[in-house]
Amino acid sequence: MRTLAMIAAALLAAMPALADPTPAPPTLPGHQQALIPHIGGRTVPGTATVRHSNGVIIATTETYQWPGTYVEAAFTGPELTLRLNDGANILPLHIDDQLKDTLNRPGEVLKHYTGLGPGRHVVRLDRLTESQDTTGTFEGFFVPAGQGLVVQPRDRQIEFIGDSFSAGYGNTSAKRDCTQAEVWATTDTQQAFGPQVARHFSADYQVNAYSGIGVVRNYNGVAPKRNMPLLYRSALIEDETVHVYNDPSWNPAVVVIALGGNDFSTPVHAGEKWANDDDLRIDLVTAYVAFVQQVRSSHPKAQFILMDYGEDKVASVIAEVIARLNAAGETRVRPFSTGGGFARTGCDWHLNLEDDRRIAATLEAFIERNPDLWGQ
């Protein structure tokens, strides 16, 4: 899973130069109200004072950095305004399941959509790309006063914790040899296997993934102190201590952890803390057990699925991790293997869209065979 060494420090710098955004209008049109957003994924909430031609309103903002975040809202009437500040991502906007706009690194913008027709509408803004070193901020959906509705959260919640495969790294690419700009442009987290599984079960989801990350050792031994057990604590990747993640409304019934491939990505190098791969494995098993327990402390009711991609080394680690957890009294954890054999024609030998669909189908079948995973 080749990513961190090539992408962690250079992802943003290697992206195509940002186009100058179209100057946003200084005010919203007419009497407006901010819609109450339904947020998917980890964010840091805030507020902003927004002017319109008849006064000001206070809007909720959401700053995001983990991949796969999304925002939904509902309203009536023929018009909608979006405020967004994001110079690093591709974000399609759908209204009533129809693609209305694609915002490609738009910067700070205010966009007005009209001609939507009467009646109830649902708007959704998705984030496709991975930007490890940069945040974006959703600053609100706005409609004329009295036309706002509420979107209810889904009954089910599922969380995916992983690396580049979970993030959808380069999964829409038609070739394996990609520049960093091409990796960025062809990454579509919303078409990765996790969101596909969530949609199949009509579940809200989080994709807490970071390309190149491991449990104790990142890809090729890069940045060993910044691993998933550390990053997982934070609502924003760039700051593991200030924005500690704690959302009482997020209580997933199922947590899928797909880690370990980057830990074994290359043989241990001279100068690393492990003498050899056997020492690395011992450390990995211990840390993986501790990480599951760490996630358990946040999600006391969740069922855990520890997943491998058909990798014998990772499958062996997962088997030992589960045995140790069971011995410690943790019984709500089970293994799942995708079976391997993927085409991996995405960028840098990553999963392609068909690989993602195959993983989603096998994971969906596994969950359906085990309905107790949903607490049923």
Protein backbone atom coordinates (compact mmCIF):
# COMPACT_ATOMS: atom_id res chain seq x y z
CA MET A 1 0.00 0.00 0.00
CA ARG A 2 2.41 2.58 -1.29
CA THR A 3 1.36 6.03 -0.18
CA LEU A 4 2.72 7.81 2.86
CA ALA A 5 6.29 8.29 1.71
CA MET A 6 5.07 9.77 -1.54
CA ILE A 7 1.99 11.59 -0.38
CA ALA A 8 2.10 12.70 3.27
CA ALA A 9 4.34 15.73 2.78
CA ALA A 10 3.75 16.29 -0.92
CA LEU A 11 0.05 15.68 -1.52
CA LEU A 12 -1.00 19.30 -1.32
CA ALA A 13 2.12 20.69 -2.96
CA ALA A 14 1.77 18.29 -5.89
CA MET A 15 -1.83 19.19 -6.67
CA PRO A 16 -2.45 21.41 -9.68
CA ALA A 17 -2.24 25.10 -8.92
CA LEU A 18 -5.47 26.46 -7.50
CA ALA A 19 -7.53 28.56 -9.82
CA ASP A 20 -8.57 31.96 -8.57
CA PRO A 21 -12.11 31.50 -7.25
CA THR A 22 -14.91 33.61 -8.65
CA PRO A 23 -15.47 36.48 -6.19
CA ALA A 24 -18.38 35.62 -3.91
CA PRO A 25 -21.28 38.03 -3.59
CA PRO A 26 -20.92 40.03 -0.37
CA THR A 27 -24.35 39.10 0.95
CA LEU A 28 -27.00 36.44 0.68
CA PRO A 29 -30.10 37.39 -1.29
CA GLY A 30 -33.25 38.40 0.61
CA HIS A 31 -34.51 37.10 3.94
CA GLN A 32 -32.67 33.83 4.49
CA GLN A 33 -32.44 31.01 7.00
CA ALA A 34 -29.61 28.54 7.49
CA LEU A 35 -30.62 24.92 7.03
CA ILE A 36 -29.88 22.47 9.83
CA PRO A 37 -27.23 20.19 8.30
CA HIS A 38 -26.90 16.46 8.82
CA ILE A 39 -23.15 15.73 8.93
CA GLY A 40 -21.44 12.47 7.98
CA GLY A 41 -17.87 11.99 9.11
CA ARG A 42 -15.66 13.70 11.66
CA THR A 43 -15.82 17.47 11.75
CA VAL A 44 -15.17 20.38 14.09
CA PRO A 45 -18.33 22.49 14.43
CA GLY A 46 -18.31 26.25 14.63
CA THR A 47 -20.48 29.25 13.83
CA ALA A 48 -20.31 32.14 11.41
CA THR A 49 -22.17 35.43 11.13
CA VAL A 50 -23.58 35.63 7.62
CA ARG A 51 -25.00 38.82 6.14
CA HIS A 52 -27.96 39.02 3.82
CA SER A 53 -29.63 42.02 2.32
CA ASN A 54 -32.04 42.37 5.23
CA GLY A 55 -29.79 41.61 8.19
CA VAL A 56 -27.57 38.84 9.55
CA ILE A 57 -28.00 35.20 10.61
CA ILE A 58 -25.83 32.80 12.58
CA ALA A 59 -24.92 29.70 10.60
CA THR A 60 -23.34 26.43 11.71
CA THR A 61 -19.98 25.66 10.09
CA GLU A 62 -18.21 22.31 9.91
CA THR A 63 -14.46 22.00 9.35
CA TYR A 64 -13.32 18.63 8.00
CA GLN A 65 -10.16 16.76 7.09
CA TRP A 66 -10.79 13.01 7.34
CA PRO A 67 -11.93 11.57 3.98
CA GLY A 68 -15.46 10.66 3.02
CA THR A 69 -17.28 13.48 4.82
CA TYR A 70 -20.70 14.55 3.58
CA VAL A 71 -23.42 17.11 4.40
CA GLU A 72 -27.15 16.71 3.81
CA ALA A 73 -30.10 19.05 4.29
CA ALA A 74 -33.74 19.43 3.20
CA PHE A 75 -35.86 22.38 2.12
CA THR A 76 -38.86 23.41 0.03
CA GLY A 77 -38.97 25.83 -2.85
CA PRO A 78 -36.98 26.51 -6.00
CA GLU A 79 -33.70 27.97 -4.70
CA LEU A 80 -30.70 27.21 -2.50
CA THR A 81 -27.46 29.00 -1.62
CA LEU A 82 -24.23 27.28 -0.58
CA ARG A 83 -21.33 28.85 1.33
CA LEU A 84 -18.09 26.84 1.23
CA ASN A 85 -14.41 27.45 1.92
CA ASP A 86 -12.32 24.63 0.45
CA GLY A 87 -9.30 25.06 -1.77
CA ALA A 88 -8.12 21.46 -1.64
CA ASN A 89 -10.93 19.06 -2.58
CA ILE A 90 -13.41 17.95 -5.22
CA LEU A 91 -16.99 18.13 -3.92
CA PRO A 92 -20.01 17.15 -6.04
CA LEU A 93 -23.36 18.64 -5.02
CA HIS A 94 -26.51 16.61 -5.63
CA ILE A 95 -30.08 17.84 -5.32
CA ASP A 96 -32.74 15.11 -5.25
CA ASP A 97 -30.07 12.55 -6.24
CA GLN A 98 -29.22 14.50 -9.40
CA LEU A 99 -25.76 15.99 -9.87
CA LYS A 100 -26.20 19.76 -9.81
CA ASP A 101 -22.61 20.99 -9.56
CA THR A 102 -19.03 19.80 -9.06
CA LEU A 103 -16.86 22.13 -7.02
CA ASN A 104 -13.20 21.55 -7.82
CA ARG A 105 -10.98 23.28 -5.24
CA PRO A 106 -13.41 26.22 -5.25
CA GLY A 107 -11.81 28.24 -2.46
CA GLU A 108 -14.18 30.58 -0.61
CA VAL A 109 -17.43 30.74 -2.56
CA LEU A 110 -21.09 31.62 -2.30
CA LYS A 111 -23.12 29.77 -4.96
CA HIS A 112 -26.79 30.24 -5.73
CA TYR A 113 -28.89 27.49 -7.36
CA THR A 114 -32.30 28.33 -8.83
CA GLY A 115 -35.03 26.71 -10.89
CA LEU A 116 -35.25 23.69 -8.56
CA GLY A 117 -39.03 23.50 -8.74
CA PRO A 118 -41.64 23.46 -5.97
CA GLY A 119 -41.94 20.93 -3.18
CA ARG A 120 -39.45 19.17 -0.95
CA HIS A 121 -35.80 18.84 -1.96
CA VAL A 122 -32.81 17.07 -0.43
CA VAL A 123 -29.32 18.44 -1.04
CA ARG A 124 -26.09 16.54 -0.42
CA LEU A 125 -22.48 17.74 -0.64
CA ASP A 126 -19.85 14.98 -0.78
CA ARG A 127 -16.11 15.14 -0.46
CA LEU A 128 -14.29 12.80 -2.86
CA THR A 129 -10.58 13.55 -2.44
CA GLU A 130 -7.99 13.03 0.28
CA SER A 131 -6.12 16.09 1.55
CA GLN A 132 -3.94 14.97 4.42
CA ASP A 133 -2.47 18.37 5.24
CA THR A 134 -5.37 20.73 4.57
CA THR A 135 -8.82 21.32 6.02
CA GLY A 136 -11.97 22.58 4.33
CA THR A 137 -15.01 24.24 5.89
CA PHE A 138 -18.68 23.90 5.03
CA GLU A 139 -20.24 27.27 5.89
CA GLY A 140 -23.92 26.58 5.33
CA PHE A 141 -26.90 25.91 3.09
CA PHE A 142 -29.38 28.81 2.94
CA VAL A 143 -32.96 29.17 1.68
CA PRO A 144 -35.64 31.84 1.99
CA ALA A 145 -37.05 32.04 5.50
CA GLY A 146 -39.72 29.45 6.26
CA GLN A 147 -38.51 26.94 3.66
CA GLY A 148 -36.10 24.94 5.81
CA LEU A 149 -36.79 21.29 6.71
CA VAL A 150 -34.91 18.75 8.83
CA VAL A 151 -33.09 15.62 7.61
CA GLN A 152 -33.23 12.83 10.17
CA PRO A 153 -30.08 10.77 10.80
CA ARG A 154 -30.25 7.19 9.55
CA ASP A 155 -31.12 4.44 12.00
CA ARG A 156 -27.83 2.62 11.44
CA GLN A 157 -24.23 3.80 11.81
CA ILE A 158 -21.07 2.06 10.58
CA GLU A 159 -17.43 3.14 10.84
CA PHE A 160 -14.44 2.19 8.69
CA ILE A 161 -10.88 2.59 9.98
CA GLY A 162 -8.09 2.00 7.51
CA ASP A 163 -5.44 3.19 5.12
CA SER A 164 -5.27 4.04 1.41
CA PHE A 165 -7.52 1.13 0.38
CA SER A 166 -10.25 2.44 2.68
CA ALA A 167 -9.71 5.99 1.41
CA GLY A 168 -10.14 4.97 -2.24
CA TYR A 169 -6.63 6.07 -3.22
CA GLY A 170 -6.49 6.45 -7.02
CA ASN A 171 -9.40 4.04 -7.45
CA THR A 172 -10.88 5.75 -10.54
CA SER A 173 -7.55 5.85 -12.39
CA ALA A 174 -7.16 4.05 -15.72
CA LYS A 175 -3.45 3.47 -15.08
CA ARG A 176 -1.09 2.44 -12.31
CA ASP A 177 1.68 4.97 -12.93
CA CYS A 178 0.34 8.27 -11.64
CA THR A 179 1.73 11.63 -10.69
CA GLN A 180 0.71 12.93 -7.28
CA ALA A 181 -1.71 15.31 -9.01
CA GLU A 182 -3.28 12.32 -10.77
CA VAL A 183 -3.53 10.38 -7.52
CA TRP A 184 -5.40 13.28 -5.96
CA ALA A 185 -7.70 13.73 -8.94
CA THR A 186 -8.59 10.02 -9.23
CA THR A 187 -9.24 9.33 -5.55
CA ASP A 188 -12.96 8.92 -4.86
CA THR A 189 -13.63 7.90 -1.26
CA GLN A 190 -17.38 7.85 -1.90
CA GLN A 191 -16.84 4.98 -4.36
CA ALA A 192 -14.53 3.06 -2.02
CA PHE A 193 -15.91 -0.13 -0.50
CA GLY A 194 -16.87 1.42 2.86
CA PRO A 195 -19.41 3.98 1.65
CA GLN A 196 -20.79 1.36 -0.75
CA VAL A 197 -21.46 -0.98 2.19
CA ALA A 198 -23.00 1.85 4.20
CA ARG A 199 -25.35 2.78 1.37
CA HIS A 200 -26.36 -0.87 0.95
CA PHE A 201 -27.50 -0.95 4.58
CA SER A 202 -28.89 2.62 4.59
CA ALA A 203 -26.39 3.58 7.28
CA ASP A 204 -24.59 6.79 8.15
CA TYR A 205 -20.84 6.29 8.03
CA GLN A 206 -17.40 7.54 8.88
CA VAL A 207 -14.26 6.74 6.88
CA ASN A 208 -11.39 7.36 9.26
CA ALA A 209 -8.60 6.46 6.87
CA TYR A 210 -5.18 7.88 6.06
CA SER A 211 -3.10 6.74 3.10
CA GLY A 212 0.13 5.07 4.14
CA ILE A 213 -0.85 4.65 7.81
CA GLY A 214 -0.10 1.63 9.96
CA VAL A 215 -0.65 0.52 13.52
CA VAL A 216 3.02 0.71 14.58
CA ARG A 217 4.82 1.18 11.26
CA ASN A 218 3.70 3.30 8.33
CA TYR A 219 4.46 2.57 4.68
CA ASN A 220 8.16 1.82 4.21
CA GLY A 221 8.90 2.86 7.78
CA VAL A 222 7.98 6.52 7.24
CA ALA A 223 6.98 8.75 10.20
CA PRO A 224 6.72 5.90 12.73
CA LYS A 225 5.48 8.17 15.55
CA ARG A 226 2.38 9.26 13.60
CA ASN A 227 0.31 6.10 13.35
CA MET A 228 -3.40 5.34 13.45
CA PRO A 229 -3.75 4.93 17.24
CA LEU A 230 -2.53 8.54 17.54
CA LEU A 231 -4.46 10.04 14.63
CA TYR A 232 -7.68 8.28 15.64
CA ARG A 233 -7.98 10.48 18.72
CA SER A 234 -8.58 13.62 16.71
CA ALA A 235 -11.41 15.25 14.82
CA LEU A 236 -8.83 16.81 12.51
CA ILE A 237 -5.86 14.87 11.19
CA GLU A 238 -3.51 17.82 11.39
CA ASP A 239 -3.98 18.30 15.13
CA GLU A 240 -4.14 15.22 17.36
CA THR A 241 -4.18 17.11 20.65
CA VAL A 242 -6.26 20.29 20.34
CA HIS A 243 -9.33 18.87 18.59
CA VAL A 244 -9.86 15.64 20.51
CA TYR A 245 -12.75 13.78 18.89
CA ASN A 246 -15.79 13.23 21.09
CA ASP A 247 -19.24 13.06 19.51
CA PRO A 248 -21.91 11.49 21.75
CA SER A 249 -24.25 11.12 18.77
CA TRP A 250 -21.81 8.83 16.95
CA ASN A 251 -22.42 5.27 18.21
CA PRO A 252 -21.78 2.86 15.33
CA ALA A 253 -23.17 -0.64 15.65
CA VAL A 254 -20.38 -1.96 13.40
CA VAL A 255 -16.73 -0.90 13.25
CA VAL A 256 -14.61 -2.32 10.41
CA ILE A 257 -10.84 -2.07 10.96
CA ALA A 258 -8.61 -2.76 7.95
CA LEU A 259 -5.03 -2.11 9.02
CA GLY A 260 -1.69 -3.92 8.99
CA GLY A 261 -0.78 -3.89 5.32
CA ASN A 262 1.46 -0.84 5.63
CA ASP A 263 3.16 -2.23 8.74
CA PHE A 264 4.38 -5.13 6.56
CA SER A 265 4.74 -3.07 3.36
CA THR A 266 8.53 -3.52 3.18
CA PRO A 267 11.11 -5.48 5.19
CA VAL A 268 12.38 -3.70 8.29
CA HIS A 269 15.17 -1.27 7.42
CA ALA A 270 18.43 -0.79 9.27
CA GLY A 271 17.94 1.81 11.98
CA GLU A 272 14.28 1.02 12.67
CA LYS A 273 13.27 0.01 16.19
CA TRP A 274 12.69 -3.63 15.22
CA ALA A 275 15.56 -6.01 14.59
CA ASN A 276 13.56 -7.98 12.02
CA ASP A 277 10.04 -8.76 10.79
CA ASP A 278 9.45 -11.17 13.69
CA ASP A 279 10.07 -8.38 16.20
CA LEU A 280 7.77 -6.12 14.18
CA ARG A 281 5.01 -8.73 14.28
CA ILE A 282 5.22 -9.06 18.06
CA ASP A 283 4.94 -5.30 18.47
CA LEU A 284 2.12 -5.09 15.91
CA VAL A 285 -0.02 -7.72 17.66
CA THR A 286 0.33 -5.97 21.01
CA ALA A 287 -0.44 -2.55 19.55
CA TYR A 288 -3.38 -3.85 17.48
CA VAL A 289 -4.95 -5.35 20.62
CA ALA A 290 -4.50 -2.03 22.41
CA PHE A 291 -6.00 -0.14 19.47
CA VAL A 292 -9.14 -2.27 19.41
CA GLN A 293 -9.47 -1.61 23.13
CA GLN A 294 -8.96 2.09 22.47
CA VAL A 295 -11.78 2.11 19.91
CA ARG A 296 -13.92 0.04 22.27
CA SER A 297 -13.64 2.76 24.90
CA SER A 298 -15.28 5.15 22.41
CA HIS A 299 -17.87 2.67 21.11
CA PRO A 300 -18.92 0.41 24.01
CA LYS A 301 -21.81 -1.22 22.08
CA ALA A 302 -20.09 -1.80 18.74
CA GLN A 303 -19.35 -5.09 17.02
CA PHE A 304 -15.85 -5.20 15.50
CA ILE A 305 -14.80 -6.68 12.17
CA LEU A 306 -11.04 -7.01 11.69
CA MET A 307 -10.43 -7.22 7.97
CA ASP A 308 -7.55 -8.28 5.74
CA TYR A 309 -7.20 -8.11 1.97
CA GLY A 310 -6.07 -11.70 1.54
CA GLU A 311 -2.64 -11.00 3.04
CA ASP A 312 -1.36 -14.01 4.99
CA LYS A 313 0.78 -11.96 7.38
CA VAL A 314 -2.05 -9.62 8.27
CA ALA A 315 -4.55 -12.50 8.59
CA SER A 316 -2.18 -14.25 11.00
CA VAL A 317 -1.85 -11.09 13.09
CA ILE A 318 -5.63 -10.64 13.19
CA ALA A 319 -6.11 -14.23 14.36
CA GLU A 320 -3.71 -13.68 17.25
CA VAL A 321 -5.22 -10.28 18.07
CA ILE A 322 -8.69 -11.80 18.32
CA ALA A 323 -7.41 -14.69 20.46
CA ARG A 324 -5.83 -12.23 22.89
CA LEU A 325 -8.94 -10.05 22.96
CA ASN A 326 -11.14 -13.08 23.60
CA ALA A 327 -8.86 -14.16 26.45
CA ALA A 328 -9.24 -10.66 27.93
CA GLY A 329 -13.04 -10.90 27.76
CA GLU A 330 -13.65 -9.09 24.46
CA THR A 331 -16.04 -11.32 22.51
CA ARG A 332 -17.66 -8.89 20.06
CA VAL A 333 -14.91 -9.11 17.49
CA ARG A 334 -14.55 -11.35 14.46
CA PRO A 335 -12.23 -11.73 11.45
CA PHE A 336 -13.12 -11.12 7.83
CA SER A 337 -10.96 -11.75 4.76
CA THR A 338 -11.72 -10.35 1.33
CA GLY A 339 -9.95 -13.31 -0.25
CA GLY A 340 -7.39 -11.30 -2.21
CA GLY A 341 -6.76 -11.70 -5.94
CA PHE A 342 -7.57 -8.10 -6.84
CA ALA A 343 -6.66 -6.47 -10.16
CA ARG A 344 -5.19 -3.42 -8.36
CA THR A 345 -5.02 -1.30 -11.49
CA GLY A 346 -5.61 1.94 -9.59
CA CYS A 347 -2.77 4.39 -9.02
CA ASP A 348 0.38 2.81 -7.57
CA TRP A 349 -1.16 -0.68 -7.65
CA HIS A 350 -4.14 0.25 -5.53
CA LEU A 351 -7.69 -1.05 -5.75
CA ASN A 352 -9.77 -0.09 -8.77
CA LEU A 353 -13.53 0.46 -8.77
CA GLU A 354 -14.27 -3.17 -9.57
CA ASP A 355 -12.05 -4.27 -6.66
CA ASP A 356 -13.99 -1.89 -4.41
CA ARG A 357 -17.29 -3.32 -5.63
CA ARG A 358 -16.08 -6.85 -5.01
CA ILE A 359 -14.97 -6.07 -1.45
CA ALA A 360 -18.25 -4.28 -0.78
CA ALA A 361 -20.27 -7.25 -2.03
CA THR A 362 -18.37 -9.80 0.08
CA LEU A 363 -18.53 -7.60 3.18
CA GLU A 364 -22.24 -6.99 2.68
CA ALA A 365 -22.82 -10.74 2.40
CA PHE A 366 -20.78 -11.33 5.56
CA ILE A 367 -22.81 -8.79 7.52
CA GLU A 368 -26.08 -10.19 6.19
CA ARG A 369 -25.05 -13.67 7.36
CA ASN A 370 -24.44 -12.21 10.80
CA PRO A 371 -27.43 -9.94 11.52
CA ASP A 372 -26.43 -9.76 15.18
CA LEU A 373 -23.80 -7.28 14.04
CA TRP A 374 -26.61 -4.72 13.89
CA GLY A 375 -27.81 -5.76 17.31
CA GLN A 376 -30.67 -7.79 15.82
